[in-house]
Amino acid sequence: MSAKIIRCSRCRRRLRNPATDTAWNVTVERGQIVGHLCPDCQTPEENAEAEINLATLEYGYDPAIGLLGRPRIDSP
């Protein structure tokens, strides 16, 4: 069985290589991924939010809850 094709929720562009195309963002509601955004469709505000989240949150997954983000704690 092949993997599900991921497309941008706005323009329907296809994500060609998930392993190397890291500029795409996901839309999350209640811990579940509900959409994807290609770099061309992201607003500057969405891009800034993603960069801030990447710098300040540590992501994980719990099967009972879904995608989780918790504050990143860096040791000195």
C-alpha atoms as a PDB file:
ATOM      1  CA  MET A   1       0.000   0.000   0.000  1.00  0.00           C
ATOM      2  CA  SER A   2       1.412   3.383  -0.930  1.00  0.00           C
ATOM      3  CA  ALA A   3       1.648   6.344   1.390  1.00  0.00           C
ATOM      4  CA  LYS A   4      -1.100   8.968   1.340  1.00  0.00           C
ATOM      5  CA  ILE A   5      -0.352  11.909  -0.931  1.00  0.00           C
ATOM      6  CA  ILE A   6      -0.036  15.119   1.065  1.00  0.00           C
ATOM      7  CA  ARG A   7      -1.355  18.281  -0.593  1.00  0.00           C
ATOM      8  CA  CYS A   8      -1.488  21.913   0.440  1.00  0.00           C
ATOM      9  CA  SER A   9      -4.870  22.734   1.947  1.00  0.00           C
ATOM     10  CA  ARG A  10      -5.016  26.013   0.021  1.00  0.00           C
ATOM     11  CA  CYS A  11      -3.515  25.485  -3.449  1.00  0.00           C
ATOM     12  CA  ARG A  12      -3.522  21.653  -3.588  1.00  0.00           C
ATOM     13  CA  ARG A  13       0.205  21.525  -4.492  1.00  0.00           C
ATOM     14  CA  ARG A  14       1.711  18.114  -3.803  1.00  0.00           C
ATOM     15  CA  LEU A  15       4.409  17.587  -1.164  1.00  0.00           C
ATOM     16  CA  ARG A  16       7.022  15.712  -3.196  1.00  0.00           C
ATOM     17  CA  ASN A  17       9.577  14.691  -0.568  1.00  0.00           C
ATOM     18  CA  PRO A  18       8.498  14.923   3.093  1.00  0.00           C
ATOM     19  CA  ALA A  19      11.978  13.969   4.300  1.00  0.00           C
ATOM     20  CA  THR A  20      13.693  16.993   2.748  1.00  0.00           C
ATOM     21  CA  ASP A  21      10.952  19.569   2.175  1.00  0.00           C
ATOM     22  CA  THR A  22      10.867  21.033   5.693  1.00  0.00           C
ATOM     23  CA  ALA A  23       9.337  24.414   4.811  1.00  0.00           C
ATOM     24  CA  TRP A  24       5.805  22.988   4.873  1.00  0.00           C
ATOM     25  CA  ASN A  25       3.641  23.550   7.971  1.00  0.00           C
ATOM     26  CA  VAL A  26       0.788  21.541   9.418  1.00  0.00           C
ATOM     27  CA  THR A  27      -2.513  22.824  10.778  1.00  0.00           C
ATOM     28  CA  VAL A  28      -3.441  21.168  14.077  1.00  0.00           C
ATOM     29  CA  GLU A  29      -6.796  21.131  15.850  1.00  0.00           C
ATOM     30  CA  ARG A  30      -7.272  19.313  19.146  1.00  0.00           C
ATOM     31  CA  GLY A  31      -4.042  17.399  18.664  1.00  0.00           C
ATOM     32  CA  GLN A  32      -4.919  16.113  15.177  1.00  0.00           C
ATOM     33  CA  ILE A  33      -3.318  17.232  11.922  1.00  0.00           C
ATOM     34  CA  VAL A  34      -6.127  18.633   9.789  1.00  0.00           C
ATOM     35  CA  GLY A  35      -4.174  20.289   6.980  1.00  0.00           C
ATOM     36  CA  HIS A  36      -0.844  21.145   5.386  1.00  0.00           C
ATOM     37  CA  LEU A  37       0.481  24.455   4.041  1.00  0.00           C
ATOM     38  CA  CYS A  38       3.128  24.813   1.350  1.00  0.00           C
ATOM     39  CA  PRO A  39       5.680  27.638   1.699  1.00  0.00           C
ATOM     40  CA  ASP A  40       4.000  29.708  -1.048  1.00  0.00           C
ATOM     41  CA  CYS A  41       0.619  29.692   0.732  1.00  0.00           C
ATOM     42  CA  GLN A  42       1.886  30.545   4.233  1.00  0.00           C
ATOM     43  CA  THR A  43       1.345  34.108   5.337  1.00  0.00           C
ATOM     44  CA  PRO A  44       4.260  35.907   6.992  1.00  0.00           C
ATOM     45  CA  GLU A  45       2.369  35.633  10.295  1.00  0.00           C
ATOM     46  CA  GLU A  46       1.921  31.857   9.925  1.00  0.00           C
ATOM     47  CA  ASN A  47       5.584  31.458   9.050  1.00  0.00           C
ATOM     48  CA  ALA A  48       6.659  33.542  12.070  1.00  0.00           C
ATOM     49  CA  GLU A  49       4.378  31.524  14.361  1.00  0.00           C
ATOM     50  CA  ALA A  50       5.889  28.284  13.057  1.00  0.00           C
ATOM     51  CA  GLU A  51       9.447  29.516  13.649  1.00  0.00           C
ATOM     52  CA  ILE A  52       8.601  30.673  17.182  1.00  0.00           C
ATOM     53  CA  ASN A  53       6.921  27.337  17.960  1.00  0.00           C
ATOM     54  CA  LEU A  54       9.909  25.424  16.590  1.00  0.00           C
ATOM     55  CA  ALA A  55      12.264  27.415  18.841  1.00  0.00           C
ATOM     56  CA  THR A  56      10.161  27.264  22.005  1.00  0.00           C
ATOM     57  CA  LEU A  57       8.250  23.968  21.876  1.00  0.00           C
ATOM     58  CA  GLU A  58       9.205  20.320  21.918  1.00  0.00           C
ATOM     59  CA  TYR A  59       6.798  18.120  19.970  1.00  0.00           C
ATOM     60  CA  GLY A  60       5.648  14.606  20.740  1.00  0.00           C
ATOM     61  CA  TYR A  61       2.794  12.242  19.999  1.00  0.00           C
ATOM     62  CA  ASP A  62       0.497  10.397  22.372  1.00  0.00           C
ATOM     63  CA  PRO A  63      -1.883   7.909  20.715  1.00  0.00           C
ATOM     64  CA  ALA A  64      -4.632   8.770  23.216  1.00  0.00           C
ATOM     65  CA  ILE A  65      -4.337  12.541  22.726  1.00  0.00           C
ATOM     66  CA  GLY A  66      -2.554  13.192  19.436  1.00  0.00           C
ATOM     67  CA  LEU A  67       0.158  15.722  18.663  1.00  0.00           C
ATOM     68  CA  LEU A  68       1.524  17.466  21.744  1.00  0.00           C
ATOM     69  CA  GLY A  69       3.646  20.562  22.171  1.00  0.00           C
ATOM     70  CA  ARG A  70       5.299  21.344  25.482  1.00  0.00           C
ATOM     71  CA  PRO A  71       7.712  24.122  26.434  1.00  0.00           C
ATOM     72  CA  ARG A  72      11.309  23.411  25.451  1.00  0.00           C
ATOM     73  CA  ILE A  73      13.633  23.363  28.447  1.00  0.00           C
ATOM     74  CA  ASP A  74      17.271  23.686  27.495  1.00  0.00           C
ATOM     75  CA  SER A  75      19.873  22.717  30.058  1.00  0.00           C
ATOM     76  CA  PRO A  76      22.708  25.215  30.687  1.00  0.00           C
END
